Amino acid sequence: MPSKKLMQYRAAIDAIDVKLIGLLADRMRIVDDVIVEKRSTGTAAVLPDRVEQVVSRVKALAPQQGLPPSMVEKIWRLLISEVCAYEEERLKTKTTDP
């Protein structure tokens, strides 16, 4: 049986996870708007320069929050990869709905 303190930490992590899921959902709603814009302008889903710009920015922000830049880079590269796949799939369709 986990200690009371460990259970409190787990509850705090669970609460943060709920917030993270909400933030990811907010991010994806914006991505849906990006898809509409990219479709209307013929812009590709994957823009390597933009990917590197985002990764560089979050790596620079990481130490300010006490996070290892290498960990943040891995997380963001996975996030970006999944988002780009999501965009590519939706850009294949001709509908205006994301």
C-alpha atoms as a PDB file:
ATOM      1  CA  MET A   1       0.000   0.000   0.000  1.00  0.00           C
ATOM      2  CA  PRO A   2       1.467   3.377  -0.978  1.00  0.00           C
ATOM      3  CA  SER A   3       2.094   5.861   1.793  1.00  0.00           C
ATOM      4  CA  LYS A   4      -0.280   8.755   2.401  1.00  0.00           C
ATOM      5  CA  LYS A   5       2.365  11.193   1.124  1.00  0.00           C
ATOM      6  CA  LEU A   6       2.876   9.161  -2.074  1.00  0.00           C
ATOM      7  CA  MET A   7      -0.872   9.091  -2.641  1.00  0.00           C
ATOM      8  CA  GLN A   8      -0.961  12.887  -2.260  1.00  0.00           C
ATOM      9  CA  TYR A   9       1.815  13.254  -4.821  1.00  0.00           C
ATOM     10  CA  ARG A  10      -0.023  10.942  -7.187  1.00  0.00           C
ATOM     11  CA  ALA A  11      -3.214  12.962  -6.776  1.00  0.00           C
ATOM     12  CA  ALA A  12      -1.286  16.159  -7.537  1.00  0.00           C
ATOM     13  CA  ILE A  13       0.219  14.576 -10.660  1.00  0.00           C
ATOM     14  CA  ASP A  14      -3.229  13.368 -11.740  1.00  0.00           C
ATOM     15  CA  ALA A  15      -4.597  16.910 -11.365  1.00  0.00           C
ATOM     16  CA  ILE A  16      -1.751  18.292 -13.463  1.00  0.00           C
ATOM     17  CA  ASP A  17      -2.429  15.607 -16.099  1.00  0.00           C
ATOM     18  CA  VAL A  18      -6.014  16.855 -16.357  1.00  0.00           C
ATOM     19  CA  LYS A  19      -4.692  20.372 -16.996  1.00  0.00           C
ATOM     20  CA  LEU A  20      -2.176  19.101 -19.556  1.00  0.00           C
ATOM     21  CA  ILE A  21      -4.917  17.272 -21.466  1.00  0.00           C
ATOM     22  CA  GLY A  22      -6.947  20.486 -21.476  1.00  0.00           C
ATOM     23  CA  LEU A  23      -3.978  22.438 -22.803  1.00  0.00           C
ATOM     24  CA  LEU A  24      -3.381  19.829 -25.514  1.00  0.00           C
ATOM     25  CA  ALA A  25      -7.032  20.060 -26.495  1.00  0.00           C
ATOM     26  CA  ASP A  26      -6.704  23.874 -26.697  1.00  0.00           C
ATOM     27  CA  ARG A  27      -3.590  23.454 -28.866  1.00  0.00           C
ATOM     28  CA  MET A  28      -5.373  21.018 -31.175  1.00  0.00           C
ATOM     29  CA  ARG A  29      -8.315  23.372 -31.632  1.00  0.00           C
ATOM     30  CA  ILE A  30      -5.834  25.937 -32.924  1.00  0.00           C
ATOM     31  CA  VAL A  31      -4.259  23.256 -35.121  1.00  0.00           C
ATOM     32  CA  ASP A  32      -7.705  22.699 -36.648  1.00  0.00           C
ATOM     33  CA  ASP A  33      -7.759  26.399 -37.577  1.00  0.00           C
ATOM     34  CA  VAL A  34      -4.231  26.064 -38.973  1.00  0.00           C
ATOM     35  CA  ILE A  35      -5.415  23.174 -41.155  1.00  0.00           C
ATOM     36  CA  VAL A  36      -8.162  25.332 -42.647  1.00  0.00           C
ATOM     37  CA  GLU A  37      -5.633  28.093 -43.369  1.00  0.00           C
ATOM     38  CA  LYS A  38      -3.075  25.688 -44.816  1.00  0.00           C
ATOM     39  CA  ARG A  39      -5.742  24.133 -47.032  1.00  0.00           C
ATOM     40  CA  SER A  40      -6.779  27.556 -48.347  1.00  0.00           C
ATOM     41  CA  THR A  41      -3.183  28.611 -49.066  1.00  0.00           C
ATOM     42  CA  GLY A  42      -1.850  25.249 -50.248  1.00  0.00           C
ATOM     43  CA  THR A  43       0.712  25.140 -47.454  1.00  0.00           C
ATOM     44  CA  ALA A  44       2.250  21.785 -46.568  1.00  0.00           C
ATOM     45  CA  ALA A  45       1.528  20.112 -43.240  1.00  0.00           C
ATOM     46  CA  VAL A  46       5.198  19.721 -42.387  1.00  0.00           C
ATOM     47  CA  LEU A  47       7.356  22.840 -42.444  1.00  0.00           C
ATOM     48  CA  PRO A  48      10.842  21.779 -41.270  1.00  0.00           C
ATOM     49  CA  ASP A  49      11.982  25.338 -40.513  1.00  0.00           C
ATOM     50  CA  ARG A  50       8.943  25.879 -38.290  1.00  0.00           C
ATOM     51  CA  VAL A  51       9.533  22.556 -36.531  1.00  0.00           C
ATOM     52  CA  GLU A  52      13.085  23.573 -35.668  1.00  0.00           C
ATOM     53  CA  GLN A  53      11.953  27.033 -34.588  1.00  0.00           C
ATOM     54  CA  VAL A  54       9.427  25.545 -32.156  1.00  0.00           C
ATOM     55  CA  VAL A  55      11.880  22.973 -30.803  1.00  0.00           C
ATOM     56  CA  SER A  56      14.583  25.606 -30.299  1.00  0.00           C
ATOM     57  CA  ARG A  57      12.133  27.875 -28.490  1.00  0.00           C
ATOM     58  CA  VAL A  58      10.903  25.227 -26.052  1.00  0.00           C
ATOM     59  CA  LYS A  59      14.435  23.976 -25.394  1.00  0.00           C
ATOM     60  CA  ALA A  60      15.419  27.525 -24.454  1.00  0.00           C
ATOM     61  CA  LEU A  61      12.382  27.831 -22.164  1.00  0.00           C
ATOM     62  CA  ALA A  62      12.972  24.502 -20.419  1.00  0.00           C
ATOM     63  CA  PRO A  63      15.838  25.523 -18.090  1.00  0.00           C
ATOM     64  CA  GLN A  64      13.854  28.538 -16.924  1.00  0.00           C
ATOM     65  CA  GLN A  65      11.392  26.042 -15.446  1.00  0.00           C
ATOM     66  CA  GLY A  66      14.037  23.623 -14.187  1.00  0.00           C
ATOM     67  CA  LEU A  67      13.477  21.116 -16.977  1.00  0.00           C
ATOM     68  CA  PRO A  68      16.143  19.298 -18.967  1.00  0.00           C
ATOM     69  CA  PRO A  69      16.167  20.690 -22.533  1.00  0.00           C
ATOM     70  CA  SER A  70      16.803  17.220 -23.966  1.00  0.00           C
ATOM     71  CA  MET A  71      13.644  15.846 -22.320  1.00  0.00           C
ATOM     72  CA  VAL A  72      11.556  18.775 -23.550  1.00  0.00           C
ATOM     73  CA  GLU A  73      12.976  18.351 -27.053  1.00  0.00           C
ATOM     74  CA  LYS A  74      11.967  14.672 -27.139  1.00  0.00           C
ATOM     75  CA  ILE A  75       8.446  15.450 -25.932  1.00  0.00           C
ATOM     76  CA  TRP A  76       7.961  18.282 -28.421  1.00  0.00           C
ATOM     77  CA  ARG A  77       9.349  16.311 -31.345  1.00  0.00           C
ATOM     78  CA  LEU A  78       6.851  13.559 -30.589  1.00  0.00           C
ATOM     79  CA  LEU A  79       4.041  16.099 -30.208  1.00  0.00           C
ATOM     80  CA  ILE A  80       4.982  17.824 -33.462  1.00  0.00           C
ATOM     81  CA  SER A  81       5.244  14.495 -35.280  1.00  0.00           C
ATOM     82  CA  GLU A  82       1.760  13.491 -34.161  1.00  0.00           C
ATOM     83  CA  VAL A  83       0.305  16.902 -34.994  1.00  0.00           C
ATOM     84  CA  CYS A  84       1.904  16.879 -38.457  1.00  0.00           C
ATOM     85  CA  ALA A  85       0.438  13.411 -39.119  1.00  0.00           C
ATOM     86  CA  TYR A  86      -2.949  14.728 -37.970  1.00  0.00           C
ATOM     87  CA  GLU A  87      -2.601  17.723 -40.303  1.00  0.00           C
ATOM     88  CA  GLU A  88      -1.474  15.597 -43.257  1.00  0.00           C
ATOM     89  CA  GLU A  89      -4.443  13.270 -42.881  1.00  0.00           C
ATOM     90  CA  ARG A  90      -6.888  16.152 -42.780  1.00  0.00           C
ATOM     91  CA  LEU A  91      -5.237  18.056 -45.601  1.00  0.00           C
ATOM     92  CA  LYS A  92      -5.803  15.032 -47.859  1.00  0.00           C
ATOM     93  CA  THR A  93      -9.562  15.531 -47.600  1.00  0.00           C
ATOM     94  CA  LYS A  94     -11.346  18.165 -49.651  1.00  0.00           C
ATOM     95  CA  THR A  95     -13.775  19.245 -46.951  1.00  0.00           C
ATOM     96  CA  THR A  96     -13.379  22.527 -45.092  1.00  0.00           C
ATOM     97  CA  ASP A  97     -13.926  20.729 -41.763  1.00  0.00           C
ATOM     98  CA  PRO A  98     -10.653  19.792 -39.994  1.00  0.00           C
END
